[in-house]
PDB file of N, CA and C in Angstrom:
ATOM      1  N   GLY A   1      36.774  -3.414   4.064  1.00  0.00           N
ATOM      2  CA  GLY A   1      36.607  -2.042   3.947  1.00  0.00           C
ATOM      3  C   GLY A   1      35.198  -1.663   3.900  1.00  0.00           C
ATOM      4  N   TRP A   2      34.277  -2.457   4.147  1.00  0.00           N
ATOM      5  CA  TRP A   2      32.656  -2.210   4.032  1.00  0.00           C
ATOM      6  C   TRP A   2      32.029  -2.602   5.338  1.00  0.00           C
ATOM      7  N   LYS A   3      30.813  -1.935   5.626  1.00  0.00           N
ATOM      8  CA  LYS A   3      30.180  -2.074   6.748  1.00  0.00           C
ATOM      9  C   LYS A   3      28.717  -1.920   6.659  1.00  0.00           C
ATOM     10  N   ILE A   4      27.908  -2.454   7.512  1.00  0.00           N
ATOM     11  CA  ILE A   4      26.519  -2.336   7.534  1.00  0.00           C
ATOM     12  C   ILE A   4      26.173  -0.724   8.226  1.00  0.00           C
ATOM     13  N   PRO A   5      25.580   0.048   7.508  1.00  0.00           N
ATOM     14  CA  PRO A   5      25.423   1.386   8.055  1.00  0.00           C
ATOM     15  C   PRO A   5      24.609   1.398   9.450  1.00  0.00           C
ATOM     16  N   THR A   6      24.924   2.450  10.244  1.00  0.00           N
ATOM     17  CA  THR A   6      24.275   2.829  11.466  1.00  0.00           C
ATOM     18  C   THR A   6      22.816   3.637  11.064  1.00  0.00           C
ATOM     19  N   VAL A   7      21.978   3.778  11.994  1.00  0.00           N
ATOM     20  CA  VAL A   7      20.986   4.572  11.853  1.00  0.00           C
ATOM     21  C   VAL A   7      21.327   6.009  11.361  1.00  0.00           C
ATOM     22  N   GLU A   8      22.375   6.410  12.085  1.00  0.00           N
ATOM     23  CA  GLU A   8      22.871   7.816  11.725  1.00  0.00           C
ATOM     24  C   GLU A   8      23.543   7.964  10.484  1.00  0.00           C
ATOM     25  N   ASP A   9      24.132   6.757   9.945  1.00  0.00           N
ATOM     26  CA  ASP A   9      24.798   6.617   8.468  1.00  0.00           C
ATOM     27  C   ASP A   9      23.658   6.941   7.511  1.00  0.00           C
ATOM     28  N   TRP A  10      22.481   6.258   7.813  1.00  0.00           N
ATOM     29  CA  TRP A  10      21.470   6.319   6.883  1.00  0.00           C
ATOM     30  C   TRP A  10      20.843   7.695   6.948  1.00  0.00           C
ATOM     31  N   ASP A  11      20.652   8.393   8.135  1.00  0.00           N
ATOM     32  CA  ASP A  11      20.121   9.769   8.056  1.00  0.00           C
ATOM     33  C   ASP A  11      21.124  10.481   7.306  1.00  0.00           C
ATOM     34  N   THR A  12      22.443  10.454   7.350  1.00  0.00           N
ATOM     35  CA  THR A  12      23.257  11.371   6.540  1.00  0.00           C
ATOM     36  C   THR A  12      23.168  11.196   5.078  1.00  0.00           C
ATOM     37  N   LEU A  13      23.037   9.905   4.863  1.00  0.00           N
ATOM     38  CA  LEU A  13      22.826   9.608   3.252  1.00  0.00           C
ATOM     39  C   LEU A  13      21.489  10.028   2.776  1.00  0.00           C
ATOM     40  N   LEU A  14      20.462   9.913   3.473  1.00  0.00           N
ATOM     41  CA  LEU A  14      19.124  10.296   3.070  1.00  0.00           C
ATOM     42  C   LEU A  14      18.946  11.768   3.087  1.00  0.00           C
ATOM     43  N   ASN A  15      19.612  12.490   3.735  1.00  0.00           N
ATOM     44  CA  ASN A  15      19.541  13.942   3.772  1.00  0.00           C
ATOM     45  C   ASN A  15      20.419  14.494   2.569  1.00  0.00           C
ATOM     46  N   THR A  16      21.311  13.653   2.077  1.00  0.00           N
ATOM     47  CA  THR A  16      22.137  14.049   1.049  1.00  0.00           C
ATOM     48  C   THR A  16      21.476  13.961  -0.459  1.00  0.00           C
ATOM     49  N   LEU A  17      20.773  12.750  -0.498  1.00  0.00           N
ATOM     50  CA  LEU A  17      20.272  12.395  -1.793  1.00  0.00           C
ATOM     51  C   LEU A  17      18.965  13.103  -2.173  1.00  0.00           C
ATOM     52  N   ASP A  18      18.802  13.509  -3.581  1.00  0.00           N
ATOM     53  CA  ASP A  18      17.588  14.022  -3.948  1.00  0.00           C
ATOM     54  C   ASP A  18      16.666  12.941  -4.332  1.00  0.00           C
ATOM     55  N   TYR A  19      15.656  13.148  -4.745  1.00  0.00           N
ATOM     56  CA  TYR A  19      14.500  12.062  -5.192  1.00  0.00           C
ATOM     57  C   TYR A  19      14.973  11.265  -6.204  1.00  0.00           C
ATOM     58  N   GLN A  20      15.601  11.800  -7.283  1.00  0.00           N
ATOM     59  CA  GLN A  20      16.082  10.948  -8.298  1.00  0.00           C
ATOM     60  C   GLN A  20      17.192  10.031  -8.071  1.00  0.00           C
ATOM     61  N   GLN A  21      18.038  10.537  -7.072  1.00  0.00           N
ATOM     62  CA  GLN A  21      19.323   9.715  -6.525  1.00  0.00           C
ATOM     63  C   GLN A  21      18.772   8.642  -5.845  1.00  0.00           C
ATOM     64  N   LYS A  22      17.575   8.785  -5.131  1.00  0.00           N
ATOM     65  CA  LYS A  22      16.997   7.756  -4.230  1.00  0.00           C
ATOM     66  C   LYS A  22      16.470   6.750  -5.027  1.00  0.00           C
ATOM     67  N   VAL A  23      15.825   7.161  -6.100  1.00  0.00           N
ATOM     68  CA  VAL A  23      15.198   6.112  -7.150  1.00  0.00           C
ATOM     69  C   VAL A  23      16.422   5.437  -7.775  1.00  0.00           C
ATOM     70  N   SER A  24      17.347   5.783  -8.229  1.00  0.00           N
ATOM     71  CA  SER A  24      18.633   5.056  -8.701  1.00  0.00           C
ATOM     72  C   SER A  24      19.240   4.332  -7.735  1.00  0.00           C
ATOM     73  N   PHE A  25      19.558   4.790  -6.603  1.00  0.00           N
ATOM     74  CA  PHE A  25      20.300   4.124  -5.444  1.00  0.00           C
ATOM     75  C   PHE A  25      19.570   2.868  -4.933  1.00  0.00           C
ATOM     76  N   LEU A  26      18.245   3.142  -4.661  1.00  0.00           N
ATOM     77  CA  LEU A  26      17.514   2.175  -3.949  1.00  0.00           C
ATOM     78  C   LEU A  26      16.616   1.162  -4.807  1.00  0.00           C
ATOM     79  N   ASN A  27      16.249   1.514  -6.046  1.00  0.00           N
ATOM     80  CA  ASN A  27      15.536   0.610  -7.016  1.00  0.00           C
ATOM     81  C   ASN A  27      14.627  -0.220  -6.334  1.00  0.00           C
ATOM     82  N   ILE A  28      13.682   0.338  -5.718  1.00  0.00           N
ATOM     83  CA  ILE A  28      12.748  -0.582  -4.942  1.00  0.00           C
ATOM     84  C   ILE A  28      11.330  -0.618  -5.601  1.00  0.00           C
ATOM     85  N   ASN A  29      11.288  -0.401  -6.939  1.00  0.00           N
ATOM     86  CA  ASN A  29       9.839  -0.476  -7.415  1.00  0.00           C
ATOM     87  C   ASN A  29       9.189  -1.860  -7.340  1.00  0.00           C
ATOM     88  N   ASN A  30       9.912  -2.974  -7.201  1.00  0.00           N
ATOM     89  CA  ASN A  30       9.196  -4.167  -7.305  1.00  0.00           C
ATOM     90  C   ASN A  30       8.826  -4.632  -5.906  1.00  0.00           C
ATOM     91  N   GLY A  31       9.255  -3.804  -4.967  1.00  0.00           N
ATOM     92  CA  GLY A  31       8.840  -4.158  -3.414  1.00  0.00           C
ATOM     93  C   GLY A  31       9.860  -5.386  -3.034  1.00  0.00           C
ATOM     94  N   TYR A  32       9.500  -5.723  -1.837  1.00  0.00           N
ATOM     95  CA  TYR A  32      10.222  -6.933  -1.208  1.00  0.00           C
ATOM     96  C   TYR A  32       9.278  -7.894  -0.564  1.00  0.00           C
ATOM     97  N   LYS A  33       9.839  -9.024  -0.158  1.00  0.00           N
ATOM     98  CA  LYS A  33       8.922 -10.224   0.220  1.00  0.00           C
ATOM     99  C   LYS A  33       9.406 -10.278   1.774  1.00  0.00           C
ATOM    100  N   GLY A  34       8.205 -10.352   2.601  1.00  0.00           N
ATOM    101  CA  GLY A  34       8.474 -10.557   4.019  1.00  0.00           C
ATOM    102  C   GLY A  34       7.634 -11.822   4.412  1.00  0.00           C
ATOM    103  N   PHE A  35       8.129 -12.422   5.576  1.00  0.00           N
ATOM    104  CA  PHE A  35       7.496 -13.663   6.022  1.00  0.00           C
ATOM    105  C   PHE A  35       7.081 -13.348   7.419  1.00  0.00           C
ATOM    106  N   LYS A  36       5.937 -14.038   7.688  1.00  0.00           N
ATOM    107  CA  LYS A  36       5.203 -14.072   9.053  1.00  0.00           C
ATOM    108  C   LYS A  36       5.020 -15.360   9.350  1.00  0.00           C
ATOM    109  N   VAL A  37       5.579 -15.693  10.658  1.00  0.00           N
ATOM    110  CA  VAL A  37       5.306 -17.177  11.082  1.00  0.00           C
ATOM    111  C   VAL A  37       4.438 -17.070  12.372  1.00  0.00           C
ATOM    112  N   ASP A  38       3.393 -17.808  12.386  1.00  0.00           N
ATOM    113  CA  ASP A  38       2.465 -17.972  13.686  1.00  0.00           C
ATOM    114  C   ASP A  38       2.247 -19.405  13.998  1.00  0.00           C
ATOM    115  N   THR A  39       2.128 -19.633  15.215  1.00  0.00           N
ATOM    116  CA  THR A  39       1.732 -21.009  15.765  1.00  0.00           C
ATOM    117  C   THR A  39       0.177 -21.014  16.209  1.00  0.00           C
ATOM    118  N   ILE A  40      -0.541 -21.718  15.314  1.00  0.00           N
ATOM    119  CA  ILE A  40      -2.036 -21.842  15.578  1.00  0.00           C
ATOM    120  C   ILE A  40      -2.399 -23.271  16.032  1.00  0.00           C
ATOM    121  N   ASN A  41      -2.863 -23.446  17.271  1.00  0.00           N
ATOM    122  CA  ASN A  41      -3.209 -24.771  17.692  1.00  0.00           C
ATOM    123  C   ASN A  41      -2.034 -25.812  17.367  1.00  0.00           C
ATOM    124  N   GLY A  42      -0.808 -25.554  17.767  1.00  0.00           N
ATOM    125  CA  GLY A  42       0.353 -26.329  17.670  1.00  0.00           C
ATOM    126  C   GLY A  42       0.867 -26.353  16.196  1.00  0.00           C
ATOM    127  N   SER A  43       0.171 -25.934  15.141  1.00  0.00           N
ATOM    128  CA  SER A  43       0.753 -25.995  13.994  1.00  0.00           C
ATOM    129  C   SER A  43       1.472 -24.766  13.588  1.00  0.00           C
ATOM    130  N   ILE A  44       2.650 -24.764  12.814  1.00  0.00           N
ATOM    131  CA  ILE A  44       3.330 -23.643  12.320  1.00  0.00           C
ATOM    132  C   ILE A  44       2.584 -23.190  11.008  1.00  0.00           C
ATOM    133  N   ASN A  45       2.144 -21.943  10.953  1.00  0.00           N
ATOM    134  CA  ASN A  45       1.523 -21.215   9.877  1.00  0.00           C
ATOM    135  C   ASN A  45       2.570 -20.148   9.299  1.00  0.00           C
ATOM    136  N   LYS A  46       3.065 -20.413   8.150  1.00  0.00           N
ATOM    137  CA  LYS A  46       4.052 -19.341   7.473  1.00  0.00           C
ATOM    138  C   LYS A  46       3.391 -18.724   6.416  1.00  0.00           C
ATOM    139  N   SER A  47       3.246 -17.346   6.504  1.00  0.00           N
ATOM    140  CA  SER A  47       2.510 -16.494   5.270  1.00  0.00           C
ATOM    141  C   SER A  47       3.569 -15.670   4.737  1.00  0.00           C
ATOM    142  N   ILE A  48       3.429 -15.220   3.397  1.00  0.00           N
ATOM    143  CA  ILE A  48       4.272 -14.405   2.736  1.00  0.00           C
ATOM    144  C   ILE A  48       3.501 -13.153   2.505  1.00  0.00           C
ATOM    145  N   ILE A  49       4.291 -12.070   2.872  1.00  0.00           N
ATOM    146  CA  ILE A  49       3.809 -10.629   2.792  1.00  0.00           C
ATOM    147  C   ILE A  49       4.630  -9.956   1.715  1.00  0.00           C
ATOM    148  N   ILE A  50       3.992  -9.469   0.672  1.00  0.00           N
ATOM    149  CA  ILE A  50       4.521  -8.580  -0.269  1.00  0.00           C
ATOM    150  C   ILE A  50       4.498  -7.188   0.069  1.00  0.00           C
ATOM    151  N   ILE A  51       5.477  -6.253   0.222  1.00  0.00           N
ATOM    152  CA  ILE A  51       5.294  -4.816   0.736  1.00  0.00           C
ATOM    153  C   ILE A  51       6.023  -4.063  -0.387  1.00  0.00           C
ATOM    154  N   ASN A  52       5.227  -3.031  -0.904  1.00  0.00           N
ATOM    155  CA  ASN A  52       5.839  -2.108  -1.785  1.00  0.00           C
ATOM    156  C   ASN A  52       6.956  -1.285  -1.231  1.00  0.00           C
ATOM    157  N   GLY A  53       7.998  -1.207  -1.627  1.00  0.00           N
ATOM    158  CA  GLY A  53       9.117  -0.523  -0.999  1.00  0.00           C
ATOM    159  C   GLY A  53      10.320  -1.570  -0.645  1.00  0.00           C
ATOM    160  N   SER A  54      11.113  -1.043   0.499  1.00  0.00           N
ATOM    161  CA  SER A  54      12.079  -1.931   0.799  1.00  0.00           C
ATOM    162  C   SER A  54      12.586  -1.650   2.197  1.00  0.00           C
ATOM    163  N   PHE A  55      13.238  -2.544   2.868  1.00  0.00           N
ATOM    164  CA  PHE A  55      13.337  -2.494   4.243  1.00  0.00           C
ATOM    165  C   PHE A  55      14.959  -2.931   4.456  1.00  0.00           C
ATOM    166  N   TYR A  56      15.805  -2.171   5.135  1.00  0.00           N
ATOM    167  CA  TYR A  56      17.169  -2.429   5.201  1.00  0.00           C
ATOM    168  C   TYR A  56      17.663  -2.574   6.643  1.00  0.00           C
ATOM    169  N   TRP A  57      18.450  -3.419   7.073  1.00  0.00           N
ATOM    170  CA  TRP A  57      18.974  -3.533   8.358  1.00  0.00           C
ATOM    171  C   TRP A  57      19.949  -2.271   8.585  1.00  0.00           C
ATOM    172  N   THR A  58      19.995  -1.829   9.787  1.00  0.00           N
ATOM    173  CA  THR A  58      21.151  -0.952  10.231  1.00  0.00           C
ATOM    174  C   THR A  58      21.882  -1.841  11.148  1.00  0.00           C
ATOM    175  N   SER A  59      23.195  -1.272  11.586  1.00  0.00           N
ATOM    176  CA  SER A  59      23.890  -2.099  12.524  1.00  0.00           C
ATOM    177  C   SER A  59      23.749  -1.729  13.921  1.00  0.00           C
ATOM    178  N   THR A  60      22.633  -0.715  14.120  1.00  0.00           N
ATOM    179  CA  THR A  60      22.175  -0.269  15.468  1.00  0.00           C
ATOM    180  C   THR A  60      21.329  -1.195  16.115  1.00  0.00           C
ATOM    181  N   GLN A  61      21.697  -1.849  17.227  1.00  0.00           N
ATOM    182  CA  GLN A  61      20.935  -2.823  17.661  1.00  0.00           C
ATOM    183  C   GLN A  61      20.697  -2.523  19.364  1.00  0.00           C
ATOM    184  N   THR A  62      19.344  -2.823  19.770  1.00  0.00           N
ATOM    185  CA  THR A  62      18.942  -2.528  21.106  1.00  0.00           C
ATOM    186  C   THR A  62      18.378  -3.868  21.664  1.00  0.00           C
ATOM    187  N   GLY A  63      19.109  -4.409  22.295  1.00  0.00           N
ATOM    188  CA  GLY A  63      18.643  -5.958  22.907  1.00  0.00           C
ATOM    189  C   GLY A  63      18.586  -6.823  21.804  1.00  0.00           C
ATOM    190  N   GLU A  64      17.405  -7.411  21.806  1.00  0.00           N
ATOM    191  CA  GLU A  64      17.023  -8.591  20.677  1.00  0.00           C
ATOM    192  C   GLU A  64      16.476  -7.970  19.393  1.00  0.00           C
ATOM    193  N   LYS A  65      16.595  -6.667  19.319  1.00  0.00           N
ATOM    194  CA  LYS A  65      16.026  -5.980  18.080  1.00  0.00           C
ATOM    195  C   LYS A  65      17.113  -5.153  17.407  1.00  0.00           C
ATOM    196  N   ALA A  66      17.055  -4.820  16.150  1.00  0.00           N
ATOM    197  CA  ALA A  66      17.929  -4.042  15.455  1.00  0.00           C
ATOM    198  C   ALA A  66      17.138  -3.004  14.664  1.00  0.00           C
ATOM    199  N   TRP A  67      17.646  -1.936  14.492  1.00  0.00           N
ATOM    200  CA  TRP A  67      16.900  -0.793  13.703  1.00  0.00           C
ATOM    201  C   TRP A  67      16.862  -1.113  12.402  1.00  0.00           C
ATOM    202  N   GLY A  68      15.939  -0.791  11.759  1.00  0.00           N
ATOM    203  CA  GLY A  68      15.885  -0.844  10.259  1.00  0.00           C
ATOM    204  C   GLY A  68      15.276   0.565   9.597  1.00  0.00           C
ATOM    205  N   ILE A  69      15.466   0.626   8.237  1.00  0.00           N
ATOM    206  CA  ILE A  69      15.063   1.840   7.580  1.00  0.00           C
ATOM    207  C   ILE A  69      14.227   1.229   6.374  1.00  0.00           C
ATOM    208  N   GLU A  70      12.884   1.603   6.346  1.00  0.00           N
ATOM    209  CA  GLU A  70      12.003   1.204   5.511  1.00  0.00           C
ATOM    210  C   GLU A  70      11.560   2.265   4.495  1.00  0.00           C
ATOM    211  N   PHE A  71      11.589   2.047   3.273  1.00  0.00           N
ATOM    212  CA  PHE A  71      11.130   3.066   2.182  1.00  0.00           C
ATOM    213  C   PHE A  71       9.826   2.523   1.651  1.00  0.00           C
ATOM    214  N   ASP A  72       8.787   3.575   1.395  1.00  0.00           N
ATOM    215  CA  ASP A  72       7.602   3.079   0.744  1.00  0.00           C
ATOM    216  C   ASP A  72       7.837   3.099  -0.460  1.00  0.00           C
ATOM    217  N   HIS A  73       6.858   2.863  -1.394  1.00  0.00           N
ATOM    218  CA  HIS A  73       6.921   2.833  -2.975  1.00  0.00           C
ATOM    219  C   HIS A  73       7.249   4.346  -3.348  1.00  0.00           C
ATOM    220  N   ILE A  74       7.115   5.358  -2.574  1.00  0.00           N
ATOM    221  CA  ILE A  74       7.308   6.717  -3.104  1.00  0.00           C
ATOM    222  C   ILE A  74       8.524   7.273  -2.461  1.00  0.00           C
ATOM    223  N   TYR A  75       9.239   6.503  -1.726  1.00  0.00           N
ATOM    224  CA  TYR A  75      10.505   6.771  -1.016  1.00  0.00           C
ATOM    225  C   TYR A  75      10.577   7.445   0.165  1.00  0.00           C
ATOM    226  N   ASN A  76       9.168   7.619   0.785  1.00  0.00           N
ATOM    227  CA  ASN A  76       9.221   8.006   2.380  1.00  0.00           C
ATOM    228  C   ASN A  76       9.908   7.156   3.104  1.00  0.00           C
ATOM    229  N   VAL A  77      10.457   7.563   4.186  1.00  0.00           N
ATOM    230  CA  VAL A  77      11.252   6.908   4.946  1.00  0.00           C
ATOM    231  C   VAL A  77      10.716   6.776   6.411  1.00  0.00           C
ATOM    232  N   ASN A  78      10.706   5.504   7.011  1.00  0.00           N
ATOM    233  CA  ASN A  78      10.284   5.054   8.208  1.00  0.00           C
ATOM    234  C   ASN A  78      11.342   4.516   8.853  1.00  0.00           C
ATOM    235  N   LYS A  79      11.524   4.667  10.218  1.00  0.00           N
ATOM    236  CA  LYS A  79      12.581   3.762  11.022  1.00  0.00           C
ATOM    237  C   LYS A  79      11.931   2.910  12.056  1.00  0.00           C
ATOM    238  N   GLY A  80      12.404   1.797  12.199  1.00  0.00           N
ATOM    239  CA  GLY A  80      11.676   1.019  13.369  1.00  0.00           C
ATOM    240  C   GLY A  80      12.538  -0.201  13.672  1.00  0.00           C
ATOM    241  N   LYS A  81      12.280  -0.847  14.631  1.00  0.00           N
ATOM    242  CA  LYS A  81      12.987  -2.000  15.107  1.00  0.00           C
ATOM    243  C   LYS A  81      12.363  -3.258  14.688  1.00  0.00           C
ATOM    244  N   ALA A  82      13.191  -4.099  14.324  1.00  0.00           N
ATOM    245  CA  ALA A  82      12.675  -5.619  13.925  1.00  0.00           C
ATOM    246  C   ALA A  82      13.583  -6.644  14.710  1.00  0.00           C
ATOM    247  N   ASP A  83      12.881  -7.926  14.780  1.00  0.00           N
ATOM    248  CA  ASP A  83      13.601  -9.002  15.455  1.00  0.00           C
ATOM    249  C   ASP A  83      14.707  -9.300  14.620  1.00  0.00           C
ATOM    250  N   LEU A  84      15.712  -9.743  15.398  1.00  0.00           N
ATOM    251  CA  LEU A  84      17.014 -10.329  14.905  1.00  0.00           C
ATOM    252  C   LEU A  84      16.851 -11.471  13.989  1.00  0.00           C
ATOM    253  N   ALA A  85      15.885 -12.249  14.088  1.00  0.00           N
ATOM    254  CA  ALA A  85      15.502 -13.297  13.377  1.00  0.00           C
ATOM    255  C   ALA A  85      14.879 -13.078  12.068  1.00  0.00           C
ATOM    256  N   ASP A  86      14.367 -11.797  11.767  1.00  0.00           N
ATOM    257  CA  ASP A  86      13.796 -11.517  10.543  1.00  0.00           C
ATOM    258  C   ASP A  86      14.652 -11.370   9.392  1.00  0.00           C
ATOM    259  N   PHE A  87      14.215 -11.746   8.265  1.00  0.00           N
ATOM    260  CA  PHE A  87      15.093 -11.659   6.965  1.00  0.00           C
ATOM    261  C   PHE A  87      14.789 -10.403   6.242  1.00  0.00           C
ATOM    262  N   LEU A  88      15.851  -9.678   6.435  1.00  0.00           N
ATOM    263  CA  LEU A  88      15.887  -8.205   5.728  1.00  0.00           C
ATOM    264  C   LEU A  88      17.066  -8.188   4.899  1.00  0.00           C
ATOM    265  N   SER A  89      16.923  -7.183   4.007  1.00  0.00           N
ATOM    266  CA  SER A  89      18.058  -6.851   3.146  1.00  0.00           C
ATOM    267  C   SER A  89      19.074  -5.910   3.768  1.00  0.00           C
ATOM    268  N   VAL A  90      20.277  -5.854   3.312  1.00  0.00           N
ATOM    269  CA  VAL A  90      21.416  -5.016   3.563  1.00  0.00           C
ATOM    270  C   VAL A  90      21.818  -4.224   2.575  1.00  0.00           C
ATOM    271  N   ARG A  91      22.234  -3.032   2.879  1.00  0.00           N
ATOM    272  CA  ARG A  91      23.118  -2.311   1.803  1.00  0.00           C
ATOM    273  C   ARG A  91      24.350  -1.729   2.547  1.00  0.00           C
ATOM    274  N   CYS A  92      25.456  -2.209   2.130  1.00  0.00           N
ATOM    275  CA  CYS A  92      26.679  -1.873   2.720  1.00  0.00           C
ATOM    276  C   CYS A  92      27.366  -0.576   2.249  1.00  0.00           C
ATOM    277  N   ILE A  93      28.117   0.072   3.062  1.00  0.00           N
ATOM    278  CA  ILE A  93      28.779   1.331   2.701  1.00  0.00           C
ATOM    279  C   ILE A  93      30.190   1.174   2.988  1.00  0.00           C
ATOM    280  N   LYS A  94      31.129   1.985   2.317  1.00  0.00           N
ATOM    281  CA  LYS A  94      32.505   1.744   2.492  1.00  0.00           C
ATOM    282  C   LYS A  94      32.821   2.450   3.761  1.00  0.00           C
ATOM    283  N   LYS A  95      33.693   1.817   4.535  1.00  0.00           N
ATOM    284  CA  LYS A  95      34.244   2.479   5.800  1.00  0.00           C
ATOM    285  C   LYS A  95      35.185   3.829   5.331  1.00  0.00           C
ATOM    286  N   GLU A  96      35.062   4.693   6.214  1.00  0.00           N
ATOM    287  CA  GLU A  96      35.993   5.897   5.954  1.00  0.00           C
ATOM    288  C   GLU A  96      37.500   5.532   6.509  1.00  0.00           C
ATOM    289  N   GLU A  97      38.408   6.022   5.732  1.00  0.00           N
ATOM    290  CA  GLU A  97      39.797   5.620   6.086  1.00  0.00           C
ATOM    291  C   GLU A  97      40.401   6.681   6.839  1.00  0.00           C
TER     292      GLU A  97
END
């Protein structure tokens, strides 16, 4: 009965919530941890990136990338694509019956 929301589902939700509801629903004050992996001179270099806010997957996919929704520390919203191999959070929503 649950699914990962599409970009359109997120748009609907975010246009419905007021600021206090976003604060309660998203609870993103601590930020999230991301990873970046590079190969330098044949060696794998992994670095940790701490970002204030949060980033959630959507089920909307284009090729090898999927759309995500990012919230900064004051709940501004950005949409963008991320590689399918990236580690991001999900928020599930109940399917309509």
